[in-house]
Every structure is written in C-alpha cells, then in structure tokens.
Amino acid sequence: MPKQLRIFSDGGSRGNPGPAAAAYLIQTDNGHIIARDSRYIGISTNNQAEYDALLMALEKATMLEAETLVCHLDSELVVKQLTGLYKVKNPKLKQLWQKIQEAKRQFKQVRFVNVPRTNGVIQEADKLVNLTLDAITEF
C-alpha cells in the first residue's frame, strides 16, 4: 500500500443544522482511487459535517497504514482552523477539531489544503454526500 495518500473529503447538510452526510475519496499520488465512503451522520451543521468527513477519511487512512497525507477540503473555514489561522470557538467544532489533532498523530505528516468546489474529486465527494442524503430523505 502506498505510504503517501491524498484525501478529498466533503460534508453537507440540508438546512444548517439539518440532515447531514459526510464523504471522502482517498487517492494514491498517481490519482488512483483506493477508498471511498459516505454515510449519514444525523442532524448536523455544514461545518460539523466537513469535520466528520475528514475524520472518517483519517480513520480509513490509518487502516491503510499511510504515513503522509495531503487532505483536500473545499471548506476554507475548516482548513484555516486546522492550520491554526483561525481559532475554533464553537464548542462542537472544538471537539471535532480535537479529534482531528489526535488522529493526526497516527501519521508522519498531514497537510490541509483548501481547494475550490470545482475540483473534480471534491465534486465526486459532494455527489456521494448528496446521494446519501437523497437516500435518507426519500423515506
């Protein structure tokens, strides 16, 4: 298994807060997708869903025995919080931020990168989020 992986994660809610889902795709450096997942996470805010998606991806990357990660997110707020440019004031986000800090310890290096929503792989993660929410809200 490759030791350096790229994570693309996305979360979203319908309503803020509202029914929410989180999704990720994990790629090797050459762009080969080796893992993807999405799940319904209950009633949540968009920002909480973004954190949950990243946590899911970090858990999977741990199972894949990755050493170095580059995490791509379309949430500028979450990236700036994770890189220390913004403080985390919301108590629920603070708990999720702390979980990310703990999960990071499993790896030699983790970088967080903000990418536009137009990024093709982020769009694929967003599609997984919406398919998951569509399946939940059909009932």
Foldseek 3Di string as FASTA:
>chain_A
DEQEKEKEKAKADDPAFHWIKIKMWIADPVRHTDDIDMATDGGHGRLLRRLVNVLVVLVVSLVVNHAEYEYEYQDPVVLCCLVVVDPDDDPSVVVSSVSVVVSCVSHNYYHYDHDHCPPPRNVVNVVRGVVNVCVVVVD
